[in-house]
Amino acid sequence: MQDPTAKAPPPPPRSGRQFVLRFISGKYQGGEFPLVADKTVFVGRSSDLDMVLVEDMVSRKHAGIHVQGDQVWIEDLGSTNGTFVNGEKIKRARLKEGDRVLIGTSILKLVATDGTSTRDVPSAEQRPELESVAAQRRTSQARTMSGSIEEVPLPDLLQLFGTSKKSGVLVIRTEDSTGKIFLRKGNIFFASINDLDDVPPVKSIYRLLTWEKGLFDLEPPEEREFSTTVDLTVPEVLMEGLRQLDEFNRIKPQLPAPNARLRVPMPLEAQLRNLTPEALDMFQLALSFPQLETVLNRAPGTDLDGAEQLLKLIKGGYLIAE
């Protein structure tokens, strides 16, 4: 029988895990804001809050973030432009490690630490550190929103911008290419890679979804005329684009190299009358522009459509790749 005078066992020690919010885009990109257990961090434009984000799209008291044990919660406090978690507009949500929060033009990522590198830093001490980060970024003439697509993959970035109805030009730069996606109130109306005029915008969008490295900037809208435009929501682009990417990757090993030259075998034994109109159009393109990459660029459909037609022509004996 248990001794009634015995002391109750001590409560289990608090987990050593602590959390920081890492700015991966916006004015304070590269900075970190430690979250303190059992304390609410208030975020907004007002100077007396814990995390001050001075910009038009942020409300005076925009959101609150609270740590309770190993759980981190975020709540929108009736802001005008909303608070977004992984592209979804929320009123209140539990954050998981790696989740991305969009407030105004800042994207913050929740990062867990082992408790050794994060101090319980009072907000007043943290602000000068963030302002120092912002000052360094101002010297490099940072854009409104910028970051790395290794930190924020392009599909996630588009989802954030689509849900928050952003307008502007999303520019993605790699070592050798520059992609642009033109947004109007969250919808995509044009896209290009290296300003190539002969590549349809939908094809450019789907190609950009394959990019895994590069730096992005959300630049102001451009006042210019486009020969061809589209009006696509981000969800439909992602759903169809990622499906096409899976299918294209399945047949990619069968395709010749992008710089392969295409020619017609002589004599041509395969019968042209057996080709569908789509295949005949592709055959004519290959005659006019005998490089595989150029044919795919100029083909009216997507890369998947063009690749499937080219494979049929090669396997059917209409074309030879070398």
C-alpha atoms as a PDB file:
ATOM      1  CA  MET A   1       0.000   0.000   0.000  1.00  0.00           C
ATOM      2  CA  GLN A   2       1.306   3.452  -0.971  1.00  0.00           C
ATOM      3  CA  ASP A   3       2.364   5.722   1.893  1.00  0.00           C
ATOM      4  CA  PRO A   4      -0.144   8.633   1.908  1.00  0.00           C
ATOM      5  CA  THR A   5       2.554  10.926   3.276  1.00  0.00           C
ATOM      6  CA  ALA A   6       4.902  10.254   0.381  1.00  0.00           C
ATOM      7  CA  LYS A   7       5.526  13.187  -1.922  1.00  0.00           C
ATOM      8  CA  ALA A   8       4.107  13.100  -5.429  1.00  0.00           C
ATOM      9  CA  PRO A   9       6.706  12.529  -8.150  1.00  0.00           C
ATOM     10  CA  PRO A  10       8.010  15.730  -9.703  1.00  0.00           C
ATOM     11  CA  PRO A  11       6.469  16.748 -13.031  1.00  0.00           C
ATOM     12  CA  PRO A  12       8.413  15.678 -16.108  1.00  0.00           C
ATOM     13  CA  PRO A  13      11.016  18.208 -17.185  1.00  0.00           C
ATOM     14  CA  ARG A  14      10.033  20.619 -19.923  1.00  0.00           C
ATOM     15  CA  SER A  15      11.184  19.600 -23.390  1.00  0.00           C
ATOM     16  CA  GLY A  16      14.480  21.151 -24.467  1.00  0.00           C
ATOM     17  CA  ARG A  17      13.054  22.010 -27.881  1.00  0.00           C
ATOM     18  CA  GLN A  18      12.662  25.660 -28.569  1.00  0.00           C
ATOM     19  CA  PHE A  19      11.431  27.463 -31.640  1.00  0.00           C
ATOM     20  CA  VAL A  20      12.456  30.428 -33.735  1.00  0.00           C
ATOM     21  CA  LEU A  21      10.718  32.184 -36.592  1.00  0.00           C
ATOM     22  CA  ARG A  22      13.212  32.526 -39.433  1.00  0.00           C
ATOM     23  CA  PHE A  23      12.566  35.264 -41.996  1.00  0.00           C
ATOM     24  CA  ILE A  24      13.042  33.699 -45.427  1.00  0.00           C
ATOM     25  CA  SER A  25      11.607  36.629 -47.380  1.00  0.00           C
ATOM     26  CA  GLY A  26      10.883  40.271 -46.793  1.00  0.00           C
ATOM     27  CA  LYS A  27      12.562  43.176 -45.034  1.00  0.00           C
ATOM     28  CA  TYR A  28      14.167  41.019 -42.338  1.00  0.00           C
ATOM     29  CA  GLN A  29      15.239  38.101 -44.564  1.00  0.00           C
ATOM     30  CA  GLY A  30      17.983  36.129 -42.808  1.00  0.00           C
ATOM     31  CA  GLY A  31      16.928  37.264 -39.326  1.00  0.00           C
ATOM     32  CA  GLU A  32      15.468  35.069 -36.579  1.00  0.00           C
ATOM     33  CA  PHE A  33      12.953  35.806 -33.841  1.00  0.00           C
ATOM     34  CA  PRO A  34      13.081  33.398 -30.850  1.00  0.00           C
ATOM     35  CA  LEU A  35       9.756  32.263 -29.396  1.00  0.00           C
ATOM     36  CA  VAL A  36       9.544  32.101 -25.621  1.00  0.00           C
ATOM     37  CA  ALA A  37       7.523  29.394 -23.856  1.00  0.00           C
ATOM     38  CA  ASP A  38       4.127  30.436 -22.472  1.00  0.00           C
ATOM     39  CA  LYS A  39       4.378  33.875 -24.033  1.00  0.00           C
ATOM     40  CA  THR A  40       2.404  35.401 -26.884  1.00  0.00           C
ATOM     41  CA  VAL A  41       4.348  37.304 -29.516  1.00  0.00           C
ATOM     42  CA  PHE A  42       2.172  40.004 -31.055  1.00  0.00           C
ATOM     43  CA  VAL A  43       2.943  40.917 -34.661  1.00  0.00           C
ATOM     44  CA  GLY A  44       1.853  44.088 -36.414  1.00  0.00           C
ATOM     45  CA  ARG A  45       2.604  47.610 -37.553  1.00  0.00           C
ATOM     46  CA  SER A  46       2.246  49.242 -34.133  1.00  0.00           C
ATOM     47  CA  SER A  47       5.587  50.195 -32.566  1.00  0.00           C
ATOM     48  CA  ASP A  48       4.640  48.855 -29.122  1.00  0.00           C
ATOM     49  CA  LEU A  49       4.269  45.228 -30.297  1.00  0.00           C
ATOM     50  CA  ASP A  50       6.812  42.429 -30.009  1.00  0.00           C
ATOM     51  CA  MET A  51       7.465  41.943 -33.745  1.00  0.00           C
ATOM     52  CA  VAL A  52       7.037  45.187 -35.670  1.00  0.00           C
ATOM     53  CA  LEU A  53       6.497  44.934 -39.441  1.00  0.00           C
ATOM     54  CA  VAL A  54       6.089  48.437 -40.834  1.00  0.00           C
ATOM     55  CA  GLU A  55       4.337  48.087 -44.191  1.00  0.00           C
ATOM     56  CA  ASP A  56       0.950  48.901 -45.690  1.00  0.00           C
ATOM     57  CA  MET A  57      -0.260  45.289 -45.927  1.00  0.00           C
ATOM     58  CA  VAL A  58       0.255  44.661 -42.197  1.00  0.00           C
ATOM     59  CA  SER A  59      -2.423  45.755 -39.708  1.00  0.00           C
ATOM     60  CA  ARG A  60      -1.565  47.608 -36.501  1.00  0.00           C
ATOM     61  CA  LYS A  61      -2.141  44.433 -34.479  1.00  0.00           C
ATOM     62  CA  HIS A  62      -2.059  41.705 -37.104  1.00  0.00           C
ATOM     63  CA  ALA A  63      -1.458  38.317 -35.448  1.00  0.00           C
ATOM     64  CA  GLY A  64      -0.442  36.563 -32.253  1.00  0.00           C
ATOM     65  CA  ILE A  65       1.915  33.579 -31.937  1.00  0.00           C
ATOM     66  CA  HIS A  66       1.917  31.553 -28.722  1.00  0.00           C
ATOM     67  CA  VAL A  67       4.122  28.681 -27.527  1.00  0.00           C
ATOM     68  CA  GLN A  68       2.521  26.174 -25.178  1.00  0.00           C
ATOM     69  CA  GLY A  69       4.857  23.305 -24.335  1.00  0.00           C
ATOM     70  CA  ASP A  70       5.864  21.754 -27.649  1.00  0.00           C
ATOM     71  CA  GLN A  71       2.961  23.374 -29.499  1.00  0.00           C
ATOM     72  CA  VAL A  72       3.046  26.649 -31.411  1.00  0.00           C
ATOM     73  CA  TRP A  73      -0.222  28.371 -32.272  1.00  0.00           C
ATOM     74  CA  ILE A  74      -0.889  31.365 -34.508  1.00  0.00           C
ATOM     75  CA  GLU A  75      -4.049  33.476 -34.559  1.00  0.00           C
ATOM     76  CA  ASP A  76      -5.087  36.231 -36.924  1.00  0.00           C
ATOM     77  CA  LEU A  77      -6.319  39.215 -34.921  1.00  0.00           C
ATOM     78  CA  GLY A  78      -8.816  40.534 -37.453  1.00  0.00           C
ATOM     79  CA  SER A  79      -6.207  41.851 -39.876  1.00  0.00           C
ATOM     80  CA  THR A  80      -7.254  43.533 -43.123  1.00  0.00           C
ATOM     81  CA  ASN A  81      -5.119  41.449 -45.497  1.00  0.00           C
ATOM     82  CA  GLY A  82      -5.061  38.165 -43.604  1.00  0.00           C
ATOM     83  CA  THR A  83      -2.537  35.698 -42.197  1.00  0.00           C
ATOM     84  CA  PHE A  84      -1.530  32.674 -44.280  1.00  0.00           C
ATOM     85  CA  VAL A  85       0.000  29.332 -43.311  1.00  0.00           C
ATOM     86  CA  ASN A  86       1.378  27.248 -46.185  1.00  0.00           C
ATOM     87  CA  GLY A  87      -0.800  29.199 -48.591  1.00  0.00           C
ATOM     88  CA  GLU A  88      -4.039  28.845 -46.607  1.00  0.00           C
ATOM     89  CA  LYS A  89      -5.738  31.833 -45.028  1.00  0.00           C
ATOM     90  CA  ILE A  90      -6.278  31.070 -41.332  1.00  0.00           C
ATOM     91  CA  LYS A  91      -8.054  32.435 -38.305  1.00  0.00           C
ATOM     92  CA  ARG A  92      -6.266  30.150 -35.845  1.00  0.00           C
ATOM     93  CA  ALA A  93      -3.935  27.252 -36.564  1.00  0.00           C
ATOM     94  CA  ARG A  94      -1.300  25.076 -34.955  1.00  0.00           C
ATOM     95  CA  LEU A  95       2.112  25.469 -36.562  1.00  0.00           C
ATOM     96  CA  LYS A  96       4.383  22.517 -37.275  1.00  0.00           C
ATOM     97  CA  GLU A  97       8.112  22.637 -37.793  1.00  0.00           C
ATOM     98  CA  GLY A  98       8.831  23.814 -41.331  1.00  0.00           C
ATOM     99  CA  ASP A  99       5.488  25.597 -41.782  1.00  0.00           C
ATOM    100  CA  ARG A 100       5.644  28.914 -43.621  1.00  0.00           C
ATOM    101  CA  VAL A 101       3.710  31.965 -42.482  1.00  0.00           C
ATOM    102  CA  LEU A 102       2.961  34.915 -44.765  1.00  0.00           C
ATOM    103  CA  ILE A 103       2.248  38.259 -43.108  1.00  0.00           C
ATOM    104  CA  GLY A 104       2.336  41.238 -45.445  1.00  0.00           C
ATOM    105  CA  THR A 105       5.436  40.717 -47.584  1.00  0.00           C
ATOM    106  CA  SER A 106       7.313  38.682 -44.964  1.00  0.00           C
ATOM    107  CA  ILE A 107       7.521  34.899 -45.134  1.00  0.00           C
ATOM    108  CA  LEU A 108       8.564  33.276 -41.864  1.00  0.00           C
ATOM    109  CA  LYS A 109       9.490  29.635 -41.349  1.00  0.00           C
ATOM    110  CA  LEU A 110       9.034  27.854 -38.014  1.00  0.00           C
ATOM    111  CA  VAL A 111      12.315  26.205 -37.044  1.00  0.00           C
ATOM    112  CA  ALA A 112      12.905  23.987 -33.991  1.00  0.00           C
ATOM    113  CA  THR A 113      16.205  24.124 -32.116  1.00  0.00           C
ATOM    114  CA  ASP A 114      17.701  21.887 -29.435  1.00  0.00           C
ATOM    115  CA  GLY A 115      17.410  24.636 -26.870  1.00  0.00           C
ATOM    116  CA  THR A 116      21.117  25.448 -26.813  1.00  0.00           C
ATOM    117  CA  SER A 117      21.259  28.065 -29.538  1.00  0.00           C
ATOM    118  CA  THR A 118      18.101  29.986 -28.669  1.00  0.00           C
ATOM    119  CA  ARG A 119      17.903  32.314 -25.678  1.00  0.00           C
ATOM    120  CA  ASP A 120      14.780  33.731 -24.104  1.00  0.00           C
ATOM    121  CA  VAL A 121      15.357  37.043 -25.793  1.00  0.00           C
ATOM    122  CA  PRO A 122      13.014  39.862 -24.793  1.00  0.00           C
ATOM    123  CA  SER A 123      11.350  41.491 -27.766  1.00  0.00           C
ATOM    124  CA  ALA A 124      12.962  44.852 -27.060  1.00  0.00           C
ATOM    125  CA  GLU A 125      16.411  43.239 -27.405  1.00  0.00           C
ATOM    126  CA  GLN A 126      15.412  41.337 -30.526  1.00  0.00           C
ATOM    127  CA  ARG A 127      14.281  44.391 -32.503  1.00  0.00           C
ATOM    128  CA  PRO A 128      17.771  45.918 -32.925  1.00  0.00           C
ATOM    129  CA  GLU A 129      19.032  42.571 -34.269  1.00  0.00           C
ATOM    130  CA  LEU A 130      16.244  42.473 -36.870  1.00  0.00           C
ATOM    131  CA  GLU A 131      16.791  46.131 -37.774  1.00  0.00           C
ATOM    132  CA  SER A 132      20.483  45.343 -38.314  1.00  0.00           C
ATOM    133  CA  VAL A 133      19.479  42.613 -40.768  1.00  0.00           C
ATOM    134  CA  ALA A 134      17.108  45.031 -42.501  1.00  0.00           C
ATOM    135  CA  ALA A 135      19.830  47.696 -42.763  1.00  0.00           C
ATOM    136  CA  GLN A 136      22.198  45.226 -44.429  1.00  0.00           C
ATOM    137  CA  ARG A 137      19.478  44.294 -46.923  1.00  0.00           C
ATOM    138  CA  ARG A 138      18.754  47.944 -47.696  1.00  0.00           C
ATOM    139  CA  THR A 139      22.383  48.405 -48.756  1.00  0.00           C
ATOM    140  CA  SER A 140      21.869  45.670 -51.359  1.00  0.00           C
ATOM    141  CA  GLN A 141      18.681  47.370 -52.648  1.00  0.00           C
ATOM    142  CA  ALA A 142      16.435  44.459 -51.736  1.00  0.00           C
ATOM    143  CA  ARG A 143      13.123  44.118 -53.565  1.00  0.00           C
ATOM    144  CA  THR A 144       9.743  44.068 -51.832  1.00  0.00           C
ATOM    145  CA  MET A 145       9.816  40.292 -51.477  1.00  0.00           C
ATOM    146  CA  SER A 146      12.831  38.131 -52.173  1.00  0.00           C
ATOM    147  CA  GLY A 147      14.333  34.827 -51.150  1.00  0.00           C
ATOM    148  CA  SER A 148      15.494  31.421 -52.334  1.00  0.00           C
ATOM    149  CA  ILE A 149      13.303  28.746 -53.930  1.00  0.00           C
ATOM    150  CA  GLU A 150      15.374  26.194 -52.033  1.00  0.00           C
ATOM    151  CA  GLU A 151      13.841  27.674 -48.867  1.00  0.00           C
ATOM    152  CA  VAL A 152      10.406  28.265 -50.413  1.00  0.00           C
ATOM    153  CA  PRO A 153       9.782  25.887 -53.360  1.00  0.00           C
ATOM    154  CA  LEU A 154       8.104  27.550 -56.317  1.00  0.00           C
ATOM    155  CA  PRO A 155       4.772  25.650 -55.965  1.00  0.00           C
ATOM    156  CA  ASP A 156       4.544  26.781 -52.318  1.00  0.00           C
ATOM    157  CA  LEU A 157       5.471  30.334 -53.272  1.00  0.00           C
ATOM    158  CA  LEU A 158       2.815  30.483 -55.984  1.00  0.00           C
ATOM    159  CA  GLN A 159       0.241  29.103 -53.571  1.00  0.00           C
ATOM    160  CA  LEU A 160       1.083  31.837 -51.051  1.00  0.00           C
ATOM    161  CA  PHE A 161       0.838  34.556 -53.691  1.00  0.00           C
ATOM    162  CA  GLY A 162      -2.317  33.103 -55.211  1.00  0.00           C
ATOM    163  CA  THR A 163      -4.195  32.850 -51.930  1.00  0.00           C
ATOM    164  CA  SER A 164      -3.124  36.328 -50.827  1.00  0.00           C
ATOM    165  CA  LYS A 165      -4.063  37.724 -54.289  1.00  0.00           C
ATOM    166  CA  LYS A 166      -0.694  39.313 -54.969  1.00  0.00           C
ATOM    167  CA  SER A 167      -0.040  41.335 -58.136  1.00  0.00           C
ATOM    168  CA  GLY A 168       3.386  41.783 -59.693  1.00  0.00           C
ATOM    169  CA  VAL A 169       6.117  39.932 -61.548  1.00  0.00           C
ATOM    170  CA  LEU A 170       7.681  36.940 -59.812  1.00  0.00           C
ATOM    171  CA  VAL A 171      11.242  36.807 -61.168  1.00  0.00           C
ATOM    172  CA  ILE A 172      13.320  33.658 -60.600  1.00  0.00           C
ATOM    173  CA  ARG A 173      17.037  33.830 -61.381  1.00  0.00           C
ATOM    174  CA  THR A 174      19.425  30.896 -61.701  1.00  0.00           C
ATOM    175  CA  GLU A 175      23.054  30.930 -62.831  1.00  0.00           C
ATOM    176  CA  ASP A 176      22.102  30.781 -66.508  1.00  0.00           C
ATOM    177  CA  SER A 177      18.372  31.516 -66.818  1.00  0.00           C
ATOM    178  CA  THR A 178      15.716  34.006 -65.742  1.00  0.00           C
ATOM    179  CA  GLY A 179      12.065  33.068 -65.448  1.00  0.00           C
ATOM    180  CA  LYS A 180       9.153  35.465 -65.019  1.00  0.00           C
ATOM    181  CA  ILE A 181       5.606  34.773 -63.861  1.00  0.00           C
ATOM    182  CA  PHE A 182       3.155  37.665 -64.177  1.00  0.00           C
ATOM    183  CA  LEU A 183       0.452  37.805 -61.496  1.00  0.00           C
ATOM    184  CA  ARG A 184      -2.741  39.839 -61.341  1.00  0.00           C
ATOM    185  CA  LYS A 185      -4.702  39.559 -58.083  1.00  0.00           C
ATOM    186  CA  GLY A 186      -3.315  36.067 -57.512  1.00  0.00           C
ATOM    187  CA  ASN A 187      -3.971  34.724 -61.025  1.00  0.00           C
ATOM    188  CA  ILE A 188      -1.272  33.987 -63.616  1.00  0.00           C
ATOM    189  CA  PHE A 189      -1.667  35.787 -66.938  1.00  0.00           C
ATOM    190  CA  PHE A 190       1.770  35.389 -68.546  1.00  0.00           C
ATOM    191  CA  ALA A 191       5.117  33.629 -68.074  1.00  0.00           C
ATOM    192  CA  SER A 192       8.434  33.477 -69.900  1.00  0.00           C
ATOM    193  CA  ILE A 193      11.941  32.043 -69.617  1.00  0.00           C
ATOM    194  CA  ASN A 194      14.829  34.204 -70.833  1.00  0.00           C
ATOM    195  CA  ASP A 195      12.212  36.421 -72.545  1.00  0.00           C
ATOM    196  CA  LEU A 196      11.734  33.857 -75.334  1.00  0.00           C
ATOM    197  CA  ASP A 197       8.770  35.008 -77.418  1.00  0.00           C
ATOM    198  CA  ASP A 198       8.302  31.698 -79.243  1.00  0.00           C
ATOM    199  CA  VAL A 199       7.470  29.680 -76.103  1.00  0.00           C
ATOM    200  CA  PRO A 200       3.775  29.811 -75.064  1.00  0.00           C
ATOM    201  CA  PRO A 201       3.165  31.078 -71.497  1.00  0.00           C
ATOM    202  CA  VAL A 202       1.601  27.838 -70.213  1.00  0.00           C
ATOM    203  CA  LYS A 203       4.624  25.869 -71.398  1.00  0.00           C
ATOM    204  CA  SER A 204       6.930  28.329 -69.625  1.00  0.00           C
ATOM    205  CA  ILE A 205       4.940  28.009 -66.386  1.00  0.00           C
ATOM    206  CA  TYR A 206       5.158  24.219 -66.411  1.00  0.00           C
ATOM    207  CA  ARG A 207       8.897  24.361 -67.112  1.00  0.00           C
ATOM    208  CA  LEU A 208       9.436  26.781 -64.239  1.00  0.00           C
ATOM    209  CA  LEU A 209       7.755  24.347 -61.849  1.00  0.00           C
ATOM    210  CA  THR A 210      10.737  22.008 -62.378  1.00  0.00           C
ATOM    211  CA  TRP A 211      13.231  24.592 -61.076  1.00  0.00           C
ATOM    212  CA  GLU A 212      14.583  23.684 -57.637  1.00  0.00           C
ATOM    213  CA  LYS A 213      17.349  26.269 -57.230  1.00  0.00           C
ATOM    214  CA  GLY A 214      17.429  30.006 -57.721  1.00  0.00           C
ATOM    215  CA  LEU A 215      16.615  33.348 -56.138  1.00  0.00           C
ATOM    216  CA  PHE A 216      13.229  35.026 -56.417  1.00  0.00           C
ATOM    217  CA  ASP A 217      12.001  38.620 -56.311  1.00  0.00           C
ATOM    218  CA  LEU A 218       8.410  39.810 -56.441  1.00  0.00           C
ATOM    219  CA  GLU A 219       8.719  42.991 -58.485  1.00  0.00           C
ATOM    220  CA  PRO A 220       6.034  45.629 -59.180  1.00  0.00           C
ATOM    221  CA  PRO A 221       3.574  45.022 -62.039  1.00  0.00           C
ATOM    222  CA  GLU A 222       4.832  45.868 -65.527  1.00  0.00           C
ATOM    223  CA  GLU A 223       2.799  48.023 -67.888  1.00  0.00           C
ATOM    224  CA  ARG A 224       3.351  46.257 -71.213  1.00  0.00           C
ATOM    225  CA  GLU A 225       1.483  44.491 -73.979  1.00  0.00           C
ATOM    226  CA  PHE A 226       1.612  40.704 -74.456  1.00  0.00           C
ATOM    227  CA  SER A 227       0.896  38.887 -77.702  1.00  0.00           C
ATOM    228  CA  THR A 228      -0.677  35.947 -75.843  1.00  0.00           C
ATOM    229  CA  THR A 229      -2.079  35.904 -72.325  1.00  0.00           C
ATOM    230  CA  VAL A 230      -3.823  33.362 -70.127  1.00  0.00           C
ATOM    231  CA  ASP A 231      -6.007  33.610 -67.035  1.00  0.00           C
ATOM    232  CA  LEU A 232      -5.146  30.707 -64.750  1.00  0.00           C
ATOM    233  CA  THR A 233      -5.611  30.209 -61.040  1.00  0.00           C
ATOM    234  CA  VAL A 234      -2.647  28.874 -59.102  1.00  0.00           C
ATOM    235  CA  PRO A 235      -4.456  25.648 -58.023  1.00  0.00           C
ATOM    236  CA  GLU A 236      -5.259  24.662 -61.616  1.00  0.00           C
ATOM    237  CA  VAL A 237      -1.686  25.435 -62.730  1.00  0.00           C
ATOM    238  CA  LEU A 238      -0.213  23.355 -59.914  1.00  0.00           C
ATOM    239  CA  MET A 239      -2.604  20.439 -60.349  1.00  0.00           C
ATOM    240  CA  GLU A 240      -2.143  20.137 -64.110  1.00  0.00           C
ATOM    241  CA  GLY A 241       1.498  21.242 -64.146  1.00  0.00           C
ATOM    242  CA  LEU A 242       2.640  18.695 -61.570  1.00  0.00           C
ATOM    243  CA  ARG A 243       0.623  15.955 -63.311  1.00  0.00           C
ATOM    244  CA  GLN A 244       2.295  16.794 -66.611  1.00  0.00           C
ATOM    245  CA  LEU A 245       5.683  16.867 -64.916  1.00  0.00           C
ATOM    246  CA  ASP A 246       5.180  13.332 -63.576  1.00  0.00           C
ATOM    247  CA  GLU A 247       4.146  12.087 -67.026  1.00  0.00           C
ATOM    248  CA  PHE A 248       6.998  13.905 -68.764  1.00  0.00           C
ATOM    249  CA  ASN A 249       9.568  12.457 -66.338  1.00  0.00           C
ATOM    250  CA  ARG A 250       8.186   8.997 -67.118  1.00  0.00           C
ATOM    251  CA  ILE A 251       8.929   9.292 -70.849  1.00  0.00           C
ATOM    252  CA  LYS A 252      11.998  11.555 -70.571  1.00  0.00           C
ATOM    253  CA  PRO A 253      14.526   8.648 -70.619  1.00  0.00           C
ATOM    254  CA  GLN A 254      13.202   7.700 -74.074  1.00  0.00           C
ATOM    255  CA  LEU A 255      13.777  11.186 -75.525  1.00  0.00           C
ATOM    256  CA  PRO A 256      16.944  12.204 -77.378  1.00  0.00           C
ATOM    257  CA  ALA A 257      19.106  14.967 -75.894  1.00  0.00           C
ATOM    258  CA  PRO A 258      17.694  18.517 -76.202  1.00  0.00           C
ATOM    259  CA  ASN A 259      20.415  19.457 -78.718  1.00  0.00           C
ATOM    260  CA  ALA A 260      19.782  16.360 -80.875  1.00  0.00           C
ATOM    261  CA  ARG A 261      19.186  17.059 -84.560  1.00  0.00           C
ATOM    262  CA  LEU A 262      16.160  15.591 -86.280  1.00  0.00           C
ATOM    263  CA  ARG A 263      16.100  14.449 -89.887  1.00  0.00           C
ATOM    264  CA  VAL A 264      13.833  12.482 -92.196  1.00  0.00           C
ATOM    265  CA  PRO A 265      15.144   9.060 -93.289  1.00  0.00           C
ATOM    266  CA  MET A 266      15.700   8.708 -97.033  1.00  0.00           C
ATOM    267  CA  PRO A 267      13.867   7.003 -98.534  1.00  0.00           C
ATOM    268  CA  LEU A 268      10.894   7.648 -96.241  1.00  0.00           C
ATOM    269  CA  GLU A 269       9.045   4.349 -96.100  1.00  0.00           C
ATOM    270  CA  ALA A 270       6.451   5.305 -93.452  1.00  0.00           C
ATOM    271  CA  GLN A 271       3.214   6.655 -94.938  1.00  0.00           C
ATOM    272  CA  LEU A 272       2.426  10.306 -94.157  1.00  0.00           C
ATOM    273  CA  ARG A 273      -1.283   9.640 -94.714  1.00  0.00           C
ATOM    274  CA  ASN A 274      -1.257   7.510 -91.562  1.00  0.00           C
ATOM    275  CA  LEU A 275      -0.361  10.490 -89.355  1.00  0.00           C
ATOM    276  CA  THR A 276      -2.913  12.392 -87.296  1.00  0.00           C
ATOM    277  CA  PRO A 277      -3.175  16.157 -87.941  1.00  0.00           C
ATOM    278  CA  GLU A 278      -1.274  16.811 -84.678  1.00  0.00           C
ATOM    279  CA  ALA A 279       1.532  14.427 -85.648  1.00  0.00           C
ATOM    280  CA  LEU A 280       1.693  15.935 -89.135  1.00  0.00           C
ATOM    281  CA  ASP A 281       2.082  19.418 -87.640  1.00  0.00           C
ATOM    282  CA  MET A 282       4.927  18.136 -85.465  1.00  0.00           C
ATOM    283  CA  PHE A 283       6.550  16.491 -88.504  1.00  0.00           C
ATOM    284  CA  GLN A 284       6.418  19.817 -90.360  1.00  0.00           C
ATOM    285  CA  LEU A 285       7.977  21.616 -87.381  1.00  0.00           C
ATOM    286  CA  ALA A 286      10.829  19.098 -87.339  1.00  0.00           C
ATOM    287  CA  LEU A 287      11.431  19.745 -91.041  1.00  0.00           C
ATOM    288  CA  SER A 288      11.559  23.513 -90.484  1.00  0.00           C
ATOM    289  CA  PHE A 289      13.514  23.544 -87.193  1.00  0.00           C
ATOM    290  CA  PRO A 290      15.559  20.329 -87.030  1.00  0.00           C
ATOM    291  CA  GLN A 291      16.648  20.583 -83.375  1.00  0.00           C
ATOM    292  CA  LEU A 292      14.623  18.830 -80.693  1.00  0.00           C
ATOM    293  CA  GLU A 293      14.702  21.716 -78.204  1.00  0.00           C
ATOM    294  CA  THR A 294      13.553  24.221 -80.845  1.00  0.00           C
ATOM    295  CA  VAL A 295      10.726  21.927 -81.942  1.00  0.00           C
ATOM    296  CA  LEU A 296       9.501  21.584 -78.338  1.00  0.00           C
ATOM    297  CA  ASN A 297       9.733  25.367 -77.884  1.00  0.00           C
ATOM    298  CA  ARG A 298       7.655  26.087 -80.976  1.00  0.00           C
ATOM    299  CA  ALA A 299       5.117  23.285 -80.591  1.00  0.00           C
ATOM    300  CA  PRO A 300       1.709  24.786 -79.684  1.00  0.00           C
ATOM    301  CA  GLY A 301       0.898  22.367 -76.845  1.00  0.00           C
ATOM    302  CA  THR A 302       2.776  21.524 -73.665  1.00  0.00           C
ATOM    303  CA  ASP A 303       6.159  19.799 -73.489  1.00  0.00           C
ATOM    304  CA  LEU A 304       4.358  16.558 -72.651  1.00  0.00           C
ATOM    305  CA  ASP A 305       2.175  16.836 -75.778  1.00  0.00           C
ATOM    306  CA  GLY A 306       5.171  17.616 -77.969  1.00  0.00           C
ATOM    307  CA  ALA A 307       7.364  14.885 -76.493  1.00  0.00           C
ATOM    308  CA  GLU A 308       4.667  12.252 -76.990  1.00  0.00           C
ATOM    309  CA  GLN A 309       4.205  13.252 -80.650  1.00  0.00           C
ATOM    310  CA  LEU A 310       7.960  13.265 -81.299  1.00  0.00           C
ATOM    311  CA  LEU A 311       8.387   9.811 -79.776  1.00  0.00           C
ATOM    312  CA  LYS A 312       5.621   8.471 -82.026  1.00  0.00           C
ATOM    313  CA  LEU A 313       7.329   9.973 -85.094  1.00  0.00           C
ATOM    314  CA  ILE A 314      10.728   8.557 -84.128  1.00  0.00           C
ATOM    315  CA  LYS A 315       9.401   5.108 -83.256  1.00  0.00           C
ATOM    316  CA  GLY A 316       7.221   5.084 -86.395  1.00  0.00           C
ATOM    317  CA  GLY A 317      10.216   5.707 -88.642  1.00  0.00           C
ATOM    318  CA  TYR A 318       9.251   9.232 -89.695  1.00  0.00           C
ATOM    319  CA  LEU A 319      12.190  10.929 -87.957  1.00  0.00           C
ATOM    320  CA  ILE A 320      15.729  10.026 -86.911  1.00  0.00           C
ATOM    321  CA  ALA A 321      17.437  11.769 -83.971  1.00  0.00           C
ATOM    322  CA  GLU A 322      21.214  12.089 -84.031  1.00  0.00           C
END
